[in-house]
Amino acid sequence: MRFFRFSAMLGIMLGSLGLSMTAQAQRQPVPADSARRTERLLGQRVTRPRKALVLALMLPGAGQIYNRRWWKLPLVYGSLGGVGYGLYHYQMLYREYVTGSRELGKGQSLQNLSGKNVSRELTEQAVDVGLSRFRTRRDTFIGYTGIVYGVVALDALVDAHLHDFDVSENLALQFRPTLLSATTAGFTPGIQLRMAFKAPGQPKTTL
């Protein structure tokens, strides 16, 4: 009989504790969530990461400006400018060799070709080799441009996802000596890895 009374009292206490914890959790401020549609873009409610991604795709660097990562703009435009110049350079050489190859097909001599680079070639085979080489390099820089463009957009997306996370001194990664429990030898010396992080509006959590 006493056991049933004790169980009933314990159940009431646990229920009261659960209600108290639920009410306390409800009173705590809700941390920012990057998955919430809290931004507007072209009249539509969107999440912050989606807005940053669309802006970055529309105009390289716009996503970084939206995330207020001003220091990344020189990296963005420097990278795009570098691959853009390489693409333009090899495209012009490719077009020159295409024109030279057509002129050779019409009976023009090597020395009288219109391009200054292609006119220096010694044989017609060298013109064909140069045409193929510069076309390959042009295509390679098209790929480089696409990669840089994608990385810039991805960077804006990731920055927007991490915008509401605490990346200050609240983050800590520590190595500590400890005793590990082993089934065969009792306790043995070891190393404990502790990582502390803090979400907005929440106490620090340690793993």
Protein backbone atom coordinates (compact mmCIF):
# COMPACT_ATOMS: atom_id res chain seq x y z
CA MET A 1 0.00 0.00 0.00
CA ARG A 2 2.82 2.34 0.87
CA PHE A 3 4.44 1.52 -2.47
CA PHE A 4 1.34 2.64 -4.39
CA ARG A 5 1.13 5.86 -2.35
CA PHE A 6 4.81 6.56 -3.02
CA SER A 7 4.33 5.88 -6.75
CA ALA A 8 1.34 8.22 -6.91
CA MET A 9 3.21 11.00 -5.08
CA LEU A 10 6.23 10.52 -7.35
CA GLY A 11 4.01 10.71 -10.44
CA ILE A 12 2.41 13.94 -9.21
CA MET A 13 5.83 15.47 -8.47
CA LEU A 14 7.20 14.49 -11.88
CA GLY A 15 4.11 15.83 -13.62
CA SER A 16 4.41 19.14 -11.78
CA LEU A 17 8.11 19.32 -12.64
CA GLY A 18 7.37 18.64 -16.31
CA LEU A 19 4.73 21.37 -16.42
CA SER A 20 7.13 23.79 -14.74
CA MET A 21 9.90 23.00 -17.23
CA THR A 22 7.47 23.36 -20.16
CA ALA A 23 6.28 26.74 -18.93
CA GLN A 24 9.88 27.87 -18.40
CA ALA A 25 10.82 26.75 -21.93
CA GLN A 26 7.87 28.65 -23.35
CA ARG A 27 8.98 31.82 -21.59
CA GLN A 28 12.48 31.60 -23.06
CA PRO A 29 13.09 33.65 -26.22
CA VAL A 30 12.97 31.60 -29.41
CA PRO A 31 16.34 31.66 -31.19
CA ALA A 32 16.52 32.86 -34.75
CA ASP A 33 15.94 30.13 -37.29
CA SER A 34 17.44 30.37 -40.77
CA ALA A 35 14.61 28.16 -42.08
CA ARG A 36 11.93 30.74 -41.21
CA ARG A 37 10.57 32.92 -43.98
CA THR A 38 11.44 36.23 -42.38
CA GLU A 39 12.68 38.10 -45.48
CA ARG A 40 11.01 39.48 -48.58
CA LEU A 41 12.23 39.16 -52.17
CA LEU A 42 10.24 40.36 -55.17
CA GLY A 43 7.10 40.48 -53.05
CA GLN A 44 7.51 36.90 -51.76
CA ARG A 45 8.37 35.83 -48.22
CA VAL A 46 11.56 33.77 -48.30
CA THR A 47 14.16 32.51 -45.88
CA ARG A 48 17.34 34.48 -45.33
CA PRO A 49 19.59 31.84 -47.02
CA ARG A 50 17.35 31.68 -50.07
CA LYS A 51 17.37 35.44 -50.44
CA ALA A 52 21.16 35.53 -50.17
CA LEU A 53 21.47 32.76 -52.77
CA VAL A 54 19.13 34.44 -55.27
CA LEU A 55 20.90 37.78 -54.87
CA ALA A 56 24.29 36.12 -55.39
CA LEU A 57 23.05 34.39 -58.54
CA MET A 58 21.55 37.60 -59.90
CA LEU A 59 24.66 39.68 -59.22
CA PRO A 60 27.95 38.21 -57.92
CA GLY A 61 28.79 39.90 -54.64
CA ALA A 62 25.21 40.92 -53.86
CA GLY A 63 24.85 37.96 -51.49
CA GLN A 64 27.99 38.98 -49.61
CA ILE A 65 26.69 42.56 -49.37
CA TYR A 66 23.36 41.26 -48.05
CA ASN A 67 25.21 39.22 -45.40
CA ARG A 68 27.36 42.29 -44.60
CA ARG A 69 30.55 40.43 -45.45
CA TRP A 70 32.12 43.49 -47.04
CA TRP A 71 35.67 42.18 -46.72
CA LYS A 72 34.86 39.34 -49.14
CA LEU A 73 34.04 41.66 -52.04
CA PRO A 74 37.69 42.07 -53.17
CA LEU A 75 38.01 38.27 -53.18
CA VAL A 76 34.78 37.86 -55.15
CA TYR A 77 35.53 40.42 -57.83
CA GLY A 78 39.24 39.58 -57.92
CA SER A 79 38.47 35.92 -58.61
CA LEU A 80 35.78 36.67 -61.18
CA GLY A 81 37.99 39.28 -62.80
CA GLY A 82 40.88 36.83 -63.09
CA VAL A 83 38.92 34.03 -64.71
CA GLY A 84 36.97 36.55 -66.79
CA TYR A 85 40.17 38.00 -68.22
CA GLY A 86 41.52 34.53 -69.00
CA LEU A 87 38.25 33.62 -70.73
CA TYR A 88 38.30 36.83 -72.81
CA HIS A 89 41.99 36.41 -73.73
CA TYR A 90 41.65 32.84 -75.01
CA GLN A 91 38.34 33.56 -76.71
CA MET A 92 40.00 36.33 -78.76
CA LEU A 93 42.90 34.05 -79.69
CA TYR A 94 40.49 31.29 -80.65
CA ARG A 95 38.48 33.63 -82.85
CA GLU A 96 41.69 34.84 -84.49
CA TYR A 97 42.75 31.31 -85.37
CA VAL A 98 39.26 30.47 -86.61
CA THR A 99 39.42 33.45 -88.95
CA GLY A 100 42.93 32.52 -90.06
CA SER A 101 41.87 28.95 -90.79
CA ARG A 102 39.00 30.22 -92.94
CA GLU A 103 41.33 32.55 -94.81
CA LEU A 104 43.72 29.67 -95.48
CA GLY A 105 40.81 27.72 -96.90
CA LYS A 106 40.18 30.55 -99.34
CA GLY A 107 43.78 30.43 -100.60
CA GLN A 108 45.32 33.14 -98.45
CA SER A 109 49.02 32.74 -97.60
CA LEU A 110 50.24 32.44 -94.00
CA GLN A 111 52.05 35.78 -94.04
CA ASN A 112 48.93 37.65 -95.24
CA LEU A 113 46.53 36.33 -92.60
CA SER A 114 44.66 39.07 -90.75
CA GLY A 115 45.61 38.05 -87.19
CA LYS A 116 49.02 39.08 -85.88
CA ASN A 117 49.49 35.85 -83.92
CA VAL A 118 48.22 33.40 -86.50
CA SER A 119 50.23 35.09 -89.24
CA ARG A 120 53.44 34.13 -87.42
CA GLU A 121 52.77 30.41 -87.75
CA LEU A 122 55.08 28.52 -90.15
CA THR A 123 52.70 25.86 -91.41
CA GLU A 124 49.00 25.32 -91.89
CA GLN A 125 49.16 22.40 -89.47
CA ALA A 126 50.44 24.78 -86.80
CA VAL A 127 47.36 26.95 -87.36
CA ASP A 128 45.10 23.94 -86.80
CA VAL A 129 47.04 23.00 -83.66
CA GLY A 130 46.78 26.55 -82.32
CA LEU A 131 43.04 26.65 -83.03
CA SER A 132 42.51 23.43 -81.08
CA ARG A 133 44.77 24.57 -78.23
CA PHE A 134 43.09 27.91 -77.71
CA ARG A 135 39.62 26.38 -77.98
CA THR A 136 40.54 23.96 -75.18
CA ARG A 137 41.90 26.75 -73.02
CA ARG A 138 38.82 28.87 -73.70
CA ASP A 139 36.56 26.00 -72.65
CA THR A 140 38.68 25.43 -69.54
CA PHE A 141 38.22 29.02 -68.45
CA ILE A 142 34.49 28.73 -69.06
CA GLY A 143 34.57 25.92 -66.50
CA TYR A 144 36.69 28.01 -64.12
CA THR A 145 34.21 30.87 -64.40
CA GLY A 146 31.32 28.56 -63.59
CA ILE A 147 33.16 27.15 -60.58
CA VAL A 148 33.99 30.59 -59.17
CA TYR A 149 30.42 31.77 -59.79
CA GLY A 150 29.08 28.73 -57.96
CA VAL A 151 31.50 29.10 -55.04
CA VAL A 152 30.51 32.76 -54.62
CA ALA A 153 26.82 31.81 -54.51
CA LEU A 154 27.50 28.90 -52.13
CA ASP A 155 29.51 31.17 -49.83
CA ALA A 156 26.57 33.59 -49.61
CA LEU A 157 24.19 30.70 -48.85
CA VAL A 158 26.38 29.26 -46.08
CA ASP A 159 27.00 32.68 -44.55
CA ALA A 160 23.27 33.33 -44.42
CA HIS A 161 22.68 29.97 -42.69
CA LEU A 162 25.36 30.73 -40.10
CA HIS A 163 24.36 34.37 -39.64
CA ASP A 164 22.38 33.72 -36.45
CA PHE A 165 24.88 31.35 -34.85
CA ASP A 166 27.34 32.48 -32.21
CA VAL A 167 30.89 32.19 -33.55
CA SER A 168 32.53 34.31 -30.82
CA GLU A 169 34.59 33.26 -27.83
CA ASN A 170 31.62 31.20 -26.60
CA LEU A 171 32.84 28.44 -28.90
CA ALA A 172 35.56 26.31 -27.37
CA LEU A 173 37.26 23.04 -28.20
CA GLN A 174 39.23 21.62 -25.30
CA PHE A 175 41.36 18.53 -24.69
CA ARG A 176 41.36 17.35 -21.09
CA PRO A 177 42.99 14.35 -19.39
CA THR A 178 40.45 11.93 -17.92
CA LEU A 179 39.94 8.34 -16.76
CA LEU A 180 38.20 6.02 -19.19
CA SER A 181 36.19 3.04 -18.00
CA ALA A 182 37.35 -0.25 -19.52
CA THR A 183 35.63 -3.61 -19.05
CA THR A 184 38.92 -5.48 -18.62
CA ALA A 185 41.21 -3.08 -16.79
CA GLY A 186 38.91 -0.85 -14.74
CA PHE A 187 39.86 2.77 -15.34
CA THR A 188 42.63 3.75 -17.76
CA PRO A 189 44.11 7.19 -18.54
CA GLY A 190 42.75 8.90 -21.63
CA ILE A 191 41.93 12.22 -23.28
CA GLN A 192 38.49 13.84 -23.20
CA LEU A 193 37.37 16.09 -26.06
CA ARG A 194 34.97 18.83 -24.96
CA MET A 195 33.21 21.21 -27.33
CA ALA A 196 31.16 24.11 -26.01
CA PHE A 197 28.83 26.14 -28.19
CA LYS A 198 26.06 28.65 -27.63
CA ALA A 199 22.97 29.29 -29.72
CA PRO A 200 21.26 32.72 -29.67
CA GLY A 201 19.13 33.19 -26.58
CA GLN A 202 20.21 29.85 -25.07
CA PRO A 203 22.75 28.92 -22.37
CA LYS A 204 26.07 27.43 -23.40
CA THR A 205 25.94 23.72 -24.15
CA THR A 206 28.87 21.37 -23.72
CA LEU A 207 29.38 18.10 -25.62
